[in-house]
Structures are given as C-alpha cells and as structure tokens.
Amino acid sequence: MASENIPLSYKGHPLRRKDNLIYYGTMAEKYIVMLRILSTKKVDGLEMADKVDVQLQLTDPDLKSRDRVVKKSEKDSLYAAMDVASVWLERALSSK
C-alpha cells in the first residue's frame, strides 16, 4: 500500500495535478512548469492526452500571470510534454 506522504515525482521534481492542469516542480524554487491538457482521445478504452500546452513560469507571486511565462510550447502527447518540461526546468534552475 502506497503512503500518502510520498508525492508523485518525475526526475526528482514533484508533480501536482488539479483537473486538467499538472504542475511540475515546487513553488519554493524560482521556476515551475505548468502543463495544461487541452484535449484527449480514447486509446483502447483509456483517455490519453493528445494536445498539451507546456509553460515554464516564474513563481514570483508579485507578477501578473501572463508576465510569469518564460517559455511556452504545445506538444502532441503527455510524454513529449513531460520530456520538454524536465529539460526546461533543469536548465532554468541550474542557471541561478
């Protein structure tokens, strides 16, 4: 049985999901990635994301939401989106 205290993570950074939004990273860092699932399709009876919006954002609460966006892209699968998100987040956090 999985413990509720261990958050889901990918390549060392936490993942949080709320409806069709997935936040990758932590608000304690300077950057976070927001993934928004724009559309899904059925594959063998399962809903699969087939269009995902990816945004690298600053976590500064004093900025307006549109001013927080550093980079953005749209991908054709959640796997491709997570791949780009992990590279963007690693590069952004390492350039402190």
Protein backbone atom coordinates (compact mmCIF):
# COMPACT_ATOMS: atom_id res chain seq x y z
CA MET A 1 0.00 0.00 0.00
CA ALA A 2 1.41 3.40 -1.03
CA SER A 3 1.99 6.06 1.58
CA GLU A 4 0.06 9.31 1.15
CA ASN A 5 3.08 11.29 2.40
CA ILE A 6 5.21 10.47 -0.65
CA PRO A 7 4.30 12.83 -3.52
CA LEU A 8 4.39 11.74 -7.13
CA SER A 9 7.60 12.94 -8.76
CA TYR A 10 9.38 12.84 -12.12
CA LYS A 11 13.17 13.14 -12.41
CA GLY A 12 13.47 14.43 -8.86
CA HIS A 13 10.78 17.14 -9.02
CA PRO A 14 7.25 16.85 -7.58
CA LEU A 15 4.11 16.62 -9.72
CA ARG A 16 0.75 18.04 -8.62
CA ARG A 17 -2.46 17.63 -10.60
CA LYS A 18 -5.70 19.59 -10.46
CA ASP A 19 -8.25 18.59 -13.13
CA ASN A 20 -6.53 19.20 -16.49
CA LEU A 21 -3.54 21.10 -15.00
CA ILE A 22 -0.29 19.46 -13.93
CA TYR A 23 2.32 21.47 -12.03
CA TYR A 24 5.88 20.18 -12.28
CA GLY A 25 8.36 21.50 -9.72
CA THR A 26 7.97 23.28 -6.42
CA MET A 27 6.86 26.82 -5.61
CA ALA A 28 9.90 27.17 -3.31
CA GLU A 29 12.13 27.31 -6.43
CA LYS A 30 12.38 30.23 -8.87
CA TYR A 31 10.68 28.32 -11.74
CA ILE A 32 7.86 25.82 -12.18
CA VAL A 33 6.34 24.18 -15.26
CA MET A 34 2.59 24.18 -15.86
CA LEU A 35 1.19 21.56 -18.22
CA ARG A 36 -2.40 22.03 -19.40
CA ILE A 37 -4.11 19.11 -21.13
CA LEU A 38 -6.05 20.72 -23.97
CA SER A 39 -7.62 17.62 -25.50
CA THR A 40 -7.75 13.84 -25.08
CA LYS A 41 -8.59 10.82 -27.21
CA LYS A 42 -9.63 7.25 -26.42
CA VAL A 43 -6.94 4.60 -26.89
CA ASP A 44 -8.01 1.07 -26.01
CA GLY A 45 -10.69 2.45 -23.71
CA LEU A 46 -8.36 4.86 -21.85
CA GLU A 47 -8.34 8.66 -22.12
CA MET A 48 -4.93 9.79 -23.42
CA ALA A 49 -3.75 13.39 -23.75
CA ASP A 50 -3.20 14.28 -27.40
CA LYS A 51 -2.63 18.02 -27.07
CA VAL A 52 -0.71 19.51 -24.12
CA ASP A 53 0.28 23.15 -23.52
CA VAL A 54 3.63 23.49 -21.70
CA GLN A 55 4.69 26.72 -19.93
CA LEU A 56 7.87 27.46 -17.99
CA GLN A 57 6.83 30.06 -15.40
CA LEU A 58 8.42 32.19 -12.71
CA THR A 59 7.00 31.53 -9.24
CA ASP A 60 7.13 35.20 -8.18
CA PRO A 61 3.65 35.92 -6.69
CA ASP A 62 4.03 39.66 -7.34
CA LEU A 63 3.98 39.20 -11.14
CA LYS A 64 0.79 39.02 -13.20
CA SER A 65 0.09 35.55 -14.56
CA ARG A 66 0.94 36.48 -18.16
CA ASP A 67 4.23 38.10 -17.06
CA ARG A 68 5.31 34.88 -15.30
CA VAL A 69 5.52 32.87 -18.56
CA VAL A 70 9.14 32.48 -19.70
CA LYS A 71 8.68 29.81 -22.42
CA LYS A 72 5.72 28.01 -23.92
CA SER A 73 5.10 25.19 -26.36
CA GLU A 74 2.40 22.76 -27.42
CA LYS A 75 3.06 19.02 -27.68
CA ASP A 76 1.12 16.05 -29.11
CA SER A 77 1.45 13.78 -26.06
CA LEU A 78 1.94 13.97 -22.32
CA TYR A 79 5.22 12.07 -22.70
CA ALA A 80 6.63 14.67 -25.12
CA ALA A 81 5.36 17.47 -22.88
CA MET A 82 7.00 15.99 -19.77
CA ASP A 83 10.24 15.48 -21.69
CA VAL A 84 10.37 19.17 -22.68
CA ALA A 85 9.23 20.25 -19.19
CA SER A 86 12.04 18.36 -17.46
CA VAL A 87 14.71 19.85 -19.76
CA TRP A 88 13.34 23.40 -19.39
CA LEU A 89 13.06 23.14 -15.61
CA GLU A 90 16.55 21.67 -15.16
CA ARG A 91 18.13 24.34 -17.36
CA ALA A 92 16.20 27.19 -15.70
CA LEU A 93 17.01 26.04 -12.16
CA SER A 94 20.70 25.44 -12.95
CA SER A 95 21.16 28.98 -14.32
CA LYS A 96 20.63 30.63 -10.90
